[in-house]
Amino acid sequence: FLYIRDLPFSISAGVGFIALFGIAVLNGIVLIEHFKELKSRGFNNINDRVITGTKERLRPVLLTAGAAALGFLPMAISTSAGAEVQRPLATVVIGGLITATLLTMLVLPVLYAIFETKKAKKINLNKGTTIAVLLILMLPAISNAQTTPLTLSNAIDIALVNNQGIKAARMEVDKSKKLEGAAFNIGMTEAFYQFDENNIADNGLPLKVWGVNQSFEFPTVYGAQKKVNKLQTKVQEQKYLLDEQYLSKSVSQAYYNVIYWQNVATNYQYLDSLFEHFATAASRKFELGETNYLEKLTASSKQKEVSLLLKQTQESINRSYLELNKWMQVDSSFTIEHNQLNKLSTSAIDTASHPGLLYYKNAILLQNQSISLEKNRLLPDLHLSYFQGSNNGTNAQIYHGFEAGIGIPLFFGAQKSRINATKINRSIIESKALEYENQLNTKYNQLVSDLVKYDEAIIIYNESGKKLASELIHTSSRAYQDGEVDFVQYLLALENAVSIEMMYLKNLNNYNQTVLEINYLTN
């Protein structure tokens, strides 16, 4: 800048360099310390930390540099006596402030990010051969422990594989399929030996008789049992689909709850930095006698209150992660990328083909077939026997024989009671099916009504609330800085703006949760 203005490097210019050095170094130190503070407050991602910290320190750095530069401006353009001494000093300070500000806000954050990344990735390789071997052996575990952003589809897939409840439901289906082969359950075969001295053969000696006996239920019983077992499998399959649908809904709701609380935390982080700045400013103004002690206390207490709300929001994020893992049931850690909360869309709902209604439909068919099975058991049983007899005497022969018979039930009371009990069970399931359908339709109508309510609130925010909140923040900040409003009025305006933003996020989250309820409609 001395070269541009064609000024020589003099002792006064050297004094300007000394004055400039203090301001430039101070801004750099304050920026680095602010990065460290953000790290202690939970900003573990380096890029987020650098961007947030740079944004928050931009205005203080510009105000500091601008105030100093403007203070030296009269000296830089002076033409009065002694101007040859003042101009080099002021030129060095003003030009240096411009360069130092650019370096502080552009180059310094980049250097910080580079060195912090290297520090995080630095590995001590001088631990000897034994540790190297151990690290190689532990490589699979280390690889599994690395956290990568988790998408919703991946979360649902993991839950469907790992969740013990869905595993049990899947095994119930497998068990029912295996039991289909148990329909033809023929009783045990009896083998018998008989010796009767009255049973005389042609050679005058008693016969020794060996034989087998087999009893069967009436053939239609086995066919009816086969149909019952197949319908039982269909019922279990529909129940599995219901459990799978409920699990997918629960995972989706927990996933979007994490994103919701992340967005709430972002708002509180902005508010926390804002109140922290004004608490510092109020404290400074009190020290200079420009404000009263009440304003200083109010600013400090409000900053602490917002800081506490931020910590509570972080705990809500952790709780949401725990809720998500309750359904996913994984041992390794995972993270969800911080995304803006957006509206979800509803899917077309066909209640007639809802898995719950299909479940009850198959359950009624199962009871009808069970009634048919119990009626078939009123039919007679069948008995078949084959035997042969012989002895050890002279001219002994082998005598063959068979026997066929039926078992006629003479007492029907017990079986009729079973039939009547099965009919009552069918009526119970039919009543439950009607109740389920009524609840399904009622719940759907209630959810649609809630969806309209939340959607209206979101529309109002997009049409006017968003702009109003932004204007409240900017207008109140400008008015407070210009002394047009006191701190209490400024604080009230900020709280109104934040309340608008927080209510919007709450309505948006409620809207999304309702959409998920509709898309995965279960009772």
Protein backbone atom coordinates (compact mmCIF):
# COMPACT_ATOMS: atom_id res chain seq x y z
CA PHE A 1 0.00 0.00 0.00
CA LEU A 2 2.99 2.30 0.55
CA TYR A 3 4.07 1.49 -3.01
CA ILE A 4 0.60 2.21 -4.39
CA ARG A 5 0.55 5.64 -2.71
CA ASP A 6 4.21 6.26 -3.62
CA LEU A 7 5.21 6.74 0.02
CA PRO A 8 8.63 5.83 1.48
CA PHE A 9 9.13 3.29 4.26
CA SER A 10 9.93 5.44 7.26
CA ILE A 11 10.06 5.19 11.05
CA SER A 12 6.39 6.20 11.22
CA ALA A 13 5.55 3.33 8.84
CA GLY A 14 7.42 0.96 11.17
CA VAL A 15 5.37 2.21 14.10
CA GLY A 16 2.25 1.47 12.02
CA PHE A 17 3.42 -2.13 11.52
CA ILE A 18 3.81 -2.54 15.29
CA ALA A 19 0.26 -1.22 15.91
CA LEU A 20 -1.12 -3.41 13.13
CA PHE A 21 0.55 -6.53 14.49
CA GLY A 22 -1.44 -6.42 17.74
CA ILE A 23 -4.83 -6.08 16.04
CA ALA A 24 -4.17 -8.82 13.44
CA VAL A 25 -2.88 -11.35 15.96
CA LEU A 26 -5.73 -10.62 18.38
CA ASN A 27 -8.39 -11.32 15.71
CA GLY A 28 -6.69 -14.58 14.78
CA ILE A 29 -6.43 -15.73 18.40
CA VAL A 30 -10.07 -14.88 19.10
CA LEU A 31 -11.19 -16.83 16.01
CA ILE A 32 -9.18 -19.93 16.97
CA GLU A 33 -10.51 -19.78 20.53
CA HIS A 34 -14.04 -19.54 19.17
CA PHE A 35 -13.42 -22.70 17.12
CA LYS A 36 -12.28 -24.46 20.30
CA GLU A 37 -15.39 -23.27 22.14
CA LEU A 38 -17.65 -24.62 19.38
CA LYS A 39 -15.84 -27.96 19.58
CA SER A 40 -16.54 -28.13 23.32
CA ARG A 41 -20.23 -27.40 22.63
CA GLY A 42 -20.62 -30.45 20.40
CA PHE A 43 -19.55 -29.27 16.92
CA ASN A 44 -17.46 -32.35 16.16
CA ASN A 45 -17.64 -31.99 12.38
CA ILE A 46 -14.68 -29.78 11.36
CA ASN A 47 -16.42 -28.25 8.34
CA ASP A 48 -19.52 -27.30 10.36
CA ARG A 49 -17.30 -25.91 13.12
CA VAL A 50 -15.26 -23.75 10.71
CA ILE A 51 -18.28 -22.44 8.78
CA THR A 52 -20.32 -21.67 11.92
CA GLY A 53 -17.40 -20.08 13.74
CA THR A 54 -16.39 -17.95 10.75
CA LYS A 55 -19.95 -16.71 10.27
CA GLU A 56 -20.30 -15.83 13.96
CA ARG A 57 -16.97 -13.95 14.11
CA LEU A 58 -17.31 -12.19 10.74
CA ARG A 59 -19.16 -9.13 12.00
CA PRO A 60 -17.02 -8.59 15.15
CA VAL A 61 -13.83 -8.81 13.05
CA LEU A 62 -15.17 -6.43 10.40
CA LEU A 63 -16.37 -3.99 13.07
CA THR A 64 -12.98 -4.07 14.81
CA ALA A 65 -11.02 -3.61 11.60
CA GLY A 66 -13.45 -1.03 10.21
CA ALA A 67 -13.42 1.08 13.35
CA ALA A 68 -9.62 1.13 13.45
CA ALA A 69 -9.32 1.84 9.73
CA LEU A 70 -11.80 4.70 9.85
CA GLY A 71 -9.95 6.12 12.84
CA PHE A 72 -6.75 6.35 10.81
CA LEU A 73 -8.49 7.61 7.65
CA PRO A 74 -8.06 11.37 8.47
CA MET A 75 -4.34 10.79 8.97
CA ALA A 76 -4.10 8.92 5.64
CA ILE A 77 -5.58 11.80 3.65
CA SER A 78 -4.08 14.61 5.74
CA THR A 79 -2.35 17.47 3.90
CA SER A 80 -1.65 19.69 6.91
CA ALA A 81 1.65 20.20 8.68
CA GLY A 82 3.23 16.91 9.73
CA ALA A 83 1.26 14.95 7.09
CA GLU A 84 4.48 13.40 5.75
CA VAL A 85 4.77 11.56 9.09
CA GLN A 86 1.07 10.70 9.51
CA ARG A 87 0.36 9.40 5.99
CA PRO A 88 2.84 6.43 6.01
CA LEU A 89 1.67 5.34 9.47
CA ALA A 90 -2.04 5.48 8.56
CA THR A 91 -1.48 3.85 5.15
CA VAL A 92 0.33 0.90 6.72
CA VAL A 93 -2.41 0.44 9.33
CA ILE A 94 -5.36 0.74 6.92
CA GLY A 95 -3.82 -1.44 4.21
CA GLY A 96 -2.61 -3.94 6.78
CA LEU A 97 -6.06 -4.17 8.36
CA ILE A 98 -7.60 -4.98 4.98
CA THR A 99 -5.02 -7.68 4.27
CA ALA A 100 -5.09 -9.07 7.83
CA THR A 101 -8.90 -9.26 7.81
CA LEU A 102 -8.88 -11.24 4.55
CA LEU A 103 -6.20 -13.56 5.89
CA THR A 104 -8.03 -14.00 9.20
CA MET A 105 -11.44 -14.80 7.69
CA LEU A 106 -10.33 -16.75 4.60
CA VAL A 107 -6.88 -18.27 5.02
CA LEU A 108 -6.84 -18.92 8.79
CA PRO A 109 -10.06 -21.09 8.79
CA VAL A 110 -8.66 -23.14 5.89
CA LEU A 111 -5.36 -23.70 7.71
CA TYR A 112 -7.25 -24.62 10.89
CA ALA A 113 -9.37 -27.18 9.02
CA ILE A 114 -6.27 -28.70 7.36
CA PHE A 115 -4.28 -29.08 10.57
CA GLU A 116 -7.29 -30.30 12.59
CA THR A 117 -8.01 -32.95 9.95
CA LYS A 118 -4.39 -34.12 10.00
CA LYS A 119 -4.46 -34.18 13.78
CA ALA A 120 -7.61 -36.32 13.79
CA LYS A 121 -6.11 -38.75 11.27
CA LYS A 122 -2.65 -38.90 12.82
CA ILE A 123 -1.67 -42.45 13.79
CA ASN A 124 1.30 -43.35 15.88
CA LEU A 125 3.12 -45.99 13.85
CA ASN A 126 6.16 -46.38 16.14
CA LYS A 127 4.65 -48.85 18.60
CA GLY A 128 6.59 -51.95 17.56
CA THR A 129 5.76 -55.07 15.65
CA THR A 130 3.44 -56.53 18.30
CA ILE A 131 1.05 -53.57 18.26
CA ALA A 132 1.10 -53.55 14.46
CA VAL A 133 0.00 -57.18 14.40
CA LEU A 134 -2.75 -56.47 16.93
CA LEU A 135 -4.02 -53.58 14.83
CA ILE A 136 -4.15 -55.83 11.78
CA LEU A 137 -6.10 -58.46 13.72
CA MET A 138 -8.50 -55.80 15.00
CA LEU A 139 -9.01 -54.28 11.55
CA PRO A 140 -12.44 -55.91 10.92
CA ALA A 141 -13.76 -54.59 14.24
CA ILE A 142 -12.31 -51.14 13.56
CA SER A 143 -13.88 -51.14 10.12
CA ASN A 144 -17.27 -52.06 11.55
CA ALA A 145 -16.95 -49.36 14.21
CA GLN A 146 -16.59 -46.55 11.66
CA THR A 147 -19.71 -44.49 11.55
CA THR A 148 -21.20 -43.55 8.19
CA PRO A 149 -24.37 -41.56 7.56
CA LEU A 150 -27.42 -43.81 7.79
CA THR A 151 -30.24 -43.48 5.28
CA LEU A 152 -33.86 -44.31 6.09
CA SER A 153 -33.99 -47.25 3.66
CA ASN A 154 -30.83 -48.71 5.19
CA ALA A 155 -32.25 -48.28 8.69
CA ILE A 156 -35.44 -50.16 7.73
CA ASP A 157 -33.44 -52.94 6.04
CA ILE A 158 -31.22 -53.34 9.10
CA ALA A 159 -34.24 -53.44 11.43
CA LEU A 160 -35.97 -56.09 9.30
CA VAL A 161 -32.85 -58.25 9.58
CA ASN A 162 -31.85 -57.65 13.23
CA ASN A 163 -35.08 -57.00 15.14
CA GLN A 164 -35.82 -60.00 17.35
CA GLY A 165 -39.58 -59.43 17.25
CA ILE A 166 -39.70 -59.62 13.44
CA LYS A 167 -37.42 -62.66 13.56
CA ALA A 168 -39.91 -64.40 15.86
CA ALA A 169 -42.80 -63.50 13.51
CA ARG A 170 -40.82 -64.89 10.56
CA MET A 171 -40.20 -68.12 12.46
CA GLU A 172 -43.92 -68.40 13.23
CA VAL A 173 -44.55 -68.42 9.48
CA ASP A 174 -41.86 -71.07 8.97
CA LYS A 175 -43.37 -73.16 11.77
CA SER A 176 -46.83 -73.01 10.18
CA LYS A 177 -45.41 -74.09 6.83
CA LYS A 178 -43.73 -77.08 8.47
CA LEU A 179 -47.00 -78.03 10.18
CA GLU A 180 -48.77 -78.25 6.81
CA GLY A 181 -47.13 -81.65 6.39
CA ALA A 182 -48.62 -82.82 9.70
CA ALA A 183 -52.15 -82.93 8.29
CA PHE A 184 -51.93 -86.64 7.39
CA ASN A 185 -51.34 -87.72 10.95
CA ILE A 186 -51.98 -91.47 10.83
CA GLY A 187 -51.86 -93.20 14.19
CA MET A 188 -49.23 -95.71 15.28
CA THR A 189 -49.27 -99.19 13.78
CA GLU A 190 -49.89 -102.00 16.28
CA ALA A 191 -48.03 -105.33 16.06
CA PHE A 192 -49.44 -108.23 18.04
CA TYR A 193 -48.84 -111.90 18.87
CA GLN A 194 -51.68 -114.23 19.85
CA PHE A 195 -51.74 -117.78 21.18
CA ASP A 196 -55.04 -119.52 21.94
CA GLU A 197 -55.30 -123.26 22.65
CA ASN A 198 -58.82 -123.17 21.32
CA ASN A 199 -57.55 -122.01 17.92
CA ILE A 200 -56.64 -125.48 16.51
CA ALA A 201 -55.02 -126.03 13.11
CA ASP A 202 -55.69 -128.99 10.77
CA ASN A 203 -52.76 -130.90 12.31
CA GLY A 204 -54.46 -130.78 15.68
CA LEU A 205 -52.13 -128.23 17.31
CA PRO A 206 -52.89 -124.63 18.44
CA LEU A 207 -51.89 -121.78 16.11
CA LYS A 208 -49.41 -119.05 16.96
CA VAL A 209 -50.71 -115.88 15.34
CA TRP A 210 -48.71 -112.73 14.39
CA GLY A 211 -50.27 -109.64 12.90
CA VAL A 212 -50.41 -105.86 12.49
CA ASN A 213 -53.29 -103.48 13.14
CA GLN A 214 -53.77 -99.93 11.78
CA SER A 215 -56.48 -97.38 12.60
CA PHE A 216 -57.39 -94.39 10.38
CA GLU A 217 -59.64 -91.42 10.78
CA PHE A 218 -62.19 -90.96 8.01
CA PRO A 219 -60.28 -89.82 4.83
CA THR A 220 -62.11 -86.49 4.63
CA VAL A 221 -60.63 -85.54 8.02
CA TYR A 222 -57.12 -85.47 6.56
CA GLY A 223 -58.21 -83.24 3.68
CA ALA A 224 -59.95 -80.85 6.08
CA GLN A 225 -56.88 -80.77 8.35
CA LYS A 226 -54.66 -79.93 5.37
CA LYS A 227 -56.88 -76.94 4.52
CA VAL A 228 -56.81 -75.79 8.16
CA ASN A 229 -53.00 -75.92 8.26
CA LYS A 230 -52.68 -73.97 5.01
CA LEU A 231 -55.04 -71.27 6.25
CA GLN A 232 -53.09 -71.13 9.50
CA THR A 233 -49.98 -70.36 7.42
CA LYS A 234 -51.84 -67.56 5.60
CA VAL A 235 -52.93 -66.06 8.93
CA GLN A 236 -49.33 -66.10 10.18
CA GLU A 237 -48.11 -64.54 6.93
CA GLN A 238 -50.59 -61.68 7.28
CA LYS A 239 -49.56 -61.21 10.90
CA TYR A 240 -45.93 -61.08 9.79
CA LEU A 241 -46.80 -58.38 7.22
CA LEU A 242 -48.53 -56.39 9.98
CA ASP A 243 -45.47 -56.70 12.23
CA GLU A 244 -43.18 -55.75 9.35
CA GLN A 245 -45.31 -52.71 8.54
CA TYR A 246 -45.38 -51.61 12.18
CA LEU A 247 -41.60 -51.98 12.44
CA SER A 248 -41.03 -49.93 9.27
CA LYS A 249 -43.31 -47.19 10.62
CA SER A 250 -41.54 -47.13 14.00
CA VAL A 251 -38.10 -46.90 12.38
CA SER A 252 -39.27 -44.09 10.06
CA GLN A 253 -40.78 -42.08 12.93
CA ALA A 254 -37.65 -42.43 15.07
CA TYR A 255 -35.43 -41.52 12.09
CA TYR A 256 -37.32 -38.31 11.34
CA ASN A 257 -37.41 -37.44 15.04
CA VAL A 258 -33.60 -37.37 14.98
CA ILE A 259 -33.65 -34.96 12.01
CA TYR A 260 -36.27 -32.81 13.75
CA TRP A 261 -34.19 -32.41 16.90
CA GLN A 262 -31.10 -31.71 14.80
CA ASN A 263 -32.94 -28.80 13.18
CA VAL A 264 -34.11 -27.56 16.58
CA ALA A 265 -30.49 -27.71 17.80
CA THR A 266 -29.35 -25.63 14.82
CA ASN A 267 -31.81 -22.89 15.75
CA TYR A 268 -30.71 -22.95 19.37
CA GLN A 269 -27.04 -22.83 18.31
CA TYR A 270 -27.72 -19.66 16.34
CA LEU A 271 -29.70 -18.20 19.22
CA ASP A 272 -27.02 -19.19 21.72
CA SER A 273 -24.27 -17.45 19.77
CA LEU A 274 -26.49 -14.38 19.38
CA PHE A 275 -27.28 -14.10 23.09
CA GLU A 276 -23.68 -14.86 24.00
CA HIS A 277 -22.58 -11.91 21.88
CA PHE A 278 -25.15 -9.59 23.42
CA ALA A 279 -24.42 -10.80 26.94
CA THR A 280 -20.78 -9.86 26.37
CA ALA A 281 -21.85 -6.54 24.84
CA ALA A 282 -24.21 -5.78 27.74
CA SER A 283 -21.46 -6.58 30.24
CA ARG A 284 -19.09 -4.25 28.41
CA LYS A 285 -21.67 -1.48 28.24
CA PHE A 286 -22.29 -1.85 31.98
CA GLU A 287 -18.57 -1.53 32.67
CA LEU A 288 -18.52 1.65 30.59
CA GLY A 289 -21.57 2.97 32.41
CA GLU A 290 -23.74 2.98 29.28
CA THR A 291 -26.43 0.67 30.71
CA ASN A 292 -27.80 -0.48 34.03
CA TYR A 293 -27.11 -3.67 36.00
CA LEU A 294 -30.58 -5.10 35.29
CA GLU A 295 -29.93 -5.21 31.53
CA LYS A 296 -26.61 -6.96 32.13
CA LEU A 297 -28.30 -9.56 34.38
CA THR A 298 -31.15 -10.08 31.89
CA ALA A 299 -28.75 -10.63 29.00
CA SER A 300 -26.62 -13.05 31.02
CA SER A 301 -29.59 -15.05 32.34
CA LYS A 302 -31.14 -15.30 28.88
CA GLN A 303 -27.86 -16.55 27.42
CA LYS A 304 -27.64 -19.22 30.10
CA GLU A 305 -31.27 -20.19 29.52
CA VAL A 306 -30.69 -20.67 25.78
CA SER A 307 -27.49 -22.58 26.47
CA LEU A 308 -29.45 -24.94 28.74
CA LEU A 309 -32.12 -25.40 26.06
CA LEU A 310 -29.37 -26.30 23.60
CA LYS A 311 -28.00 -28.95 25.96
CA GLN A 312 -31.49 -30.36 26.50
CA THR A 313 -31.96 -30.52 22.74
CA GLN A 314 -28.72 -32.49 22.44
CA GLU A 315 -30.13 -34.93 24.99
CA SER A 316 -33.32 -35.20 22.90
CA ILE A 317 -31.16 -36.08 19.89
CA ASN A 318 -29.45 -38.80 21.92
CA ARG A 319 -32.84 -40.14 23.08
CA SER A 320 -34.05 -40.24 19.49
CA TYR A 321 -30.95 -42.24 18.51
CA LEU A 322 -31.70 -44.68 21.33
CA GLU A 323 -35.31 -44.98 20.18
CA LEU A 324 -34.13 -45.72 16.64
CA ASN A 325 -31.68 -48.34 17.85
CA LYS A 326 -34.46 -49.94 19.92
CA TRP A 327 -35.95 -51.04 16.62
CA MET A 328 -32.71 -51.57 14.66
CA GLN A 329 -30.96 -53.48 17.48
CA VAL A 330 -27.37 -53.02 16.29
CA ASP A 331 -24.23 -52.99 18.44
CA SER A 332 -22.18 -50.57 16.31
CA SER A 333 -22.69 -46.81 16.41
CA PHE A 334 -24.31 -44.90 13.57
CA THR A 335 -25.07 -41.31 12.64
CA ILE A 336 -27.74 -39.58 10.59
CA GLU A 337 -26.61 -36.77 8.33
CA HIS A 338 -27.85 -33.36 9.40
CA ASN A 339 -30.48 -32.53 6.77
CA GLN A 340 -33.10 -29.85 6.57
CA LEU A 341 -36.50 -31.08 7.71
CA ASN A 342 -38.80 -31.26 4.67
CA LYS A 343 -42.43 -32.24 4.14
CA LEU A 344 -43.14 -35.87 3.38
CA SER A 345 -45.80 -36.97 0.90
CA THR A 346 -48.67 -39.34 1.62
CA SER A 347 -49.20 -42.57 -0.27
CA ALA A 348 -52.49 -43.77 -1.71
CA ILE A 349 -54.30 -45.82 0.95
CA ASP A 350 -56.54 -48.75 0.02
CA THR A 351 -58.14 -49.85 3.26
CA ALA A 352 -59.83 -52.80 1.54
CA SER A 353 -56.46 -54.47 0.97
CA HIS A 354 -55.02 -53.46 4.34
CA PRO A 355 -52.95 -56.28 5.89
CA GLY A 356 -55.00 -56.08 9.09
CA LEU A 357 -58.29 -56.67 7.26
CA LEU A 358 -56.73 -59.49 5.23
CA TYR A 359 -55.52 -60.99 8.49
CA TYR A 360 -59.05 -61.10 9.90
CA LYS A 361 -60.47 -62.33 6.59
CA ASN A 362 -58.13 -65.33 6.64
CA ALA A 363 -58.78 -65.83 10.37
CA ILE A 364 -62.53 -66.15 9.65
CA LEU A 365 -61.82 -68.59 6.81
CA LEU A 366 -59.65 -70.55 9.22
CA GLN A 367 -62.50 -70.80 11.73
CA ASN A 368 -64.93 -71.91 9.00
CA GLN A 369 -62.52 -74.63 7.96
CA SER A 370 -61.99 -75.60 11.61
CA ILE A 371 -65.77 -76.07 11.96
CA SER A 372 -65.71 -78.31 8.88
CA LEU A 373 -62.83 -80.28 10.38
CA GLU A 374 -64.67 -80.83 13.66
CA LYS A 375 -67.79 -81.97 11.78
CA ASN A 376 -65.72 -84.48 9.78
CA ARG A 377 -64.53 -85.96 13.05
CA LEU A 378 -68.10 -87.12 13.67
CA LEU A 379 -67.59 -89.64 10.86
CA PRO A 380 -66.51 -93.19 11.81
CA ASP A 381 -62.89 -94.29 12.14
CA LEU A 382 -61.53 -97.14 10.01
CA HIS A 383 -59.57 -100.17 11.28
CA LEU A 384 -57.57 -102.68 9.20
CA SER A 385 -55.69 -105.75 10.46
CA TYR A 386 -53.59 -108.42 8.77
CA PHE A 387 -52.39 -111.58 10.53
CA GLN A 388 -51.08 -115.08 9.89
CA GLY A 389 -50.92 -118.19 12.04
CA SER A 390 -48.86 -121.40 12.09
CA ASN A 391 -47.33 -123.98 14.48
CA ASN A 392 -44.34 -126.31 14.67
CA GLY A 393 -46.28 -129.55 14.19
CA THR A 394 -46.17 -132.10 11.35
CA ASN A 395 -47.78 -130.91 8.11
CA ALA A 396 -48.02 -127.38 9.56
CA GLN A 397 -49.41 -124.70 7.24
CA ILE A 398 -49.48 -120.89 7.28
CA TYR A 399 -52.97 -119.47 7.64
CA HIS A 400 -53.56 -115.89 6.41
CA GLY A 401 -56.29 -113.54 7.51
CA PHE A 402 -57.39 -109.92 7.64
CA GLU A 403 -59.92 -107.84 9.50
CA ALA A 404 -61.69 -104.59 8.61
CA GLY A 405 -63.94 -102.55 10.81
CA ILE A 406 -65.27 -99.11 11.62
CA GLY A 407 -65.45 -97.14 14.86
CA ILE A 408 -68.84 -95.53 15.17
CA PRO A 409 -69.20 -92.66 17.67
CA LEU A 410 -72.17 -93.43 19.84
CA PHE A 411 -71.74 -90.38 22.11
CA PHE A 412 -71.65 -87.04 20.24
CA GLY A 413 -71.81 -84.63 23.16
CA ALA A 414 -68.09 -83.82 23.44
CA GLN A 415 -67.59 -83.36 19.69
CA LYS A 416 -70.69 -81.23 19.33
CA SER A 417 -69.37 -79.01 22.13
CA ARG A 418 -66.15 -78.57 20.19
CA ILE A 419 -68.12 -77.64 17.06
CA ASN A 420 -70.21 -75.09 18.98
CA ALA A 421 -67.10 -73.63 20.64
CA THR A 422 -65.45 -73.21 17.22
CA LYS A 423 -68.58 -71.47 15.91
CA ILE A 424 -68.50 -69.06 18.86
CA ASN A 425 -64.81 -68.42 18.18
CA ARG A 426 -65.72 -67.56 14.57
CA SER A 427 -68.32 -65.08 15.80
CA ILE A 428 -65.73 -63.51 18.13
CA ILE A 429 -63.28 -63.03 15.26
CA GLU A 430 -66.02 -61.62 13.01
CA SER A 431 -66.85 -59.05 15.70
CA LYS A 432 -63.17 -58.19 16.10
CA ALA A 433 -62.86 -57.80 12.33
CA LEU A 434 -65.76 -55.31 12.24
CA GLU A 435 -64.30 -53.42 15.21
CA TYR A 436 -60.88 -53.35 13.54
CA GLU A 437 -62.36 -52.00 10.30
CA ASN A 438 -64.27 -49.29 12.18
CA GLN A 439 -61.16 -48.28 14.11
CA LEU A 440 -59.14 -48.29 10.90
CA ASN A 441 -61.54 -45.93 9.12
CA THR A 442 -61.90 -43.72 12.19
CA LYS A 443 -58.16 -43.49 12.68
CA TYR A 444 -57.63 -42.71 9.01
CA ASN A 445 -60.17 -39.86 9.15
CA GLN A 446 -58.59 -38.51 12.34
CA LEU A 447 -55.12 -38.60 10.80
CA VAL A 448 -56.33 -36.82 7.66
CA SER A 449 -57.92 -34.14 9.86
CA ASP A 450 -54.65 -33.71 11.79
CA LEU A 451 -52.74 -33.57 8.52
CA VAL A 452 -54.91 -30.72 7.25
CA LYS A 453 -54.42 -28.86 10.55
CA TYR A 454 -50.63 -29.12 10.44
CA ASP A 455 -50.52 -28.34 6.72
CA GLU A 456 -52.45 -25.12 7.25
CA ALA A 457 -49.95 -24.03 9.91
CA ILE A 458 -47.05 -24.80 7.53
CA ILE A 459 -48.70 -22.82 4.70
CA ILE A 460 -49.18 -19.80 6.99
CA TYR A 461 -45.49 -19.96 7.95
CA ASN A 462 -44.35 -20.15 4.32
CA GLU A 463 -46.64 -17.30 3.28
CA SER A 464 -45.95 -14.88 6.10
CA GLY A 465 -44.37 -16.43 9.21
CA LYS A 466 -40.93 -17.02 7.73
CA LYS A 467 -40.63 -13.48 6.43
CA LEU A 468 -42.03 -12.07 9.68
CA ALA A 469 -39.49 -13.97 11.81
CA SER A 470 -36.61 -12.77 9.64
CA GLU A 471 -37.80 -9.16 9.76
CA LEU A 472 -38.25 -9.34 13.55
CA ILE A 473 -34.64 -10.46 14.00
CA HIS A 474 -33.06 -7.95 11.59
CA THR A 475 -35.26 -4.99 12.50
CA SER A 476 -34.96 -5.48 16.26
CA SER A 477 -31.19 -5.99 16.02
CA ARG A 478 -30.77 -2.79 14.01
CA ALA A 479 -33.09 -0.84 16.33
CA TYR A 480 -31.25 -2.07 19.43
CA GLN A 481 -27.86 -1.17 17.98
CA ASP A 482 -29.18 2.29 17.06
CA GLY A 483 -30.62 2.75 20.56
CA GLU A 484 -34.22 2.94 19.33
CA VAL A 485 -35.38 0.09 21.63
CA ASP A 486 -34.13 -1.13 24.98
CA PHE A 487 -32.85 -4.64 25.65
CA VAL A 488 -36.18 -5.94 26.99
CA GLN A 489 -38.00 -4.92 23.79
CA TYR A 490 -35.22 -6.41 21.71
CA LEU A 491 -35.39 -9.63 23.73
CA LEU A 492 -39.17 -9.86 23.28
CA ALA A 493 -38.83 -9.45 19.51
CA LEU A 494 -36.18 -12.17 19.37
CA GLU A 495 -38.29 -14.54 21.43
CA ASN A 496 -41.26 -13.97 19.10
CA ALA A 497 -39.09 -14.72 16.06
CA VAL A 498 -37.66 -17.86 17.62
CA SER A 499 -41.14 -18.95 18.73
CA ILE A 500 -42.32 -18.70 15.10
CA GLU A 501 -39.39 -20.82 13.88
CA MET A 502 -39.76 -23.43 16.63
CA MET A 503 -43.53 -23.70 16.11
CA TYR A 504 -42.93 -24.20 12.39
CA LEU A 505 -40.48 -27.05 13.07
CA LYS A 506 -42.90 -28.62 15.55
CA ASN A 507 -45.81 -28.45 13.09
CA LEU A 508 -43.61 -29.80 10.31
CA ASN A 509 -42.48 -32.72 12.48
CA ASN A 510 -46.08 -33.43 13.52
CA TYR A 511 -47.09 -33.31 9.86
CA ASN A 512 -44.37 -35.80 8.90
CA GLN A 513 -45.21 -38.12 11.80
CA THR A 514 -48.87 -38.04 10.70
CA VAL A 515 -47.88 -38.82 7.11
CA LEU A 516 -45.92 -41.83 8.35
CA GLU A 517 -48.93 -42.97 10.39
CA ILE A 518 -51.09 -42.77 7.27
CA ASN A 519 -48.56 -44.47 5.01
CA TYR A 520 -48.09 -47.28 7.54
CA LEU A 521 -51.64 -47.31 8.88
CA THR A 522 -51.88 -49.94 11.62
CA ASN A 523 -53.91 -50.26 14.80
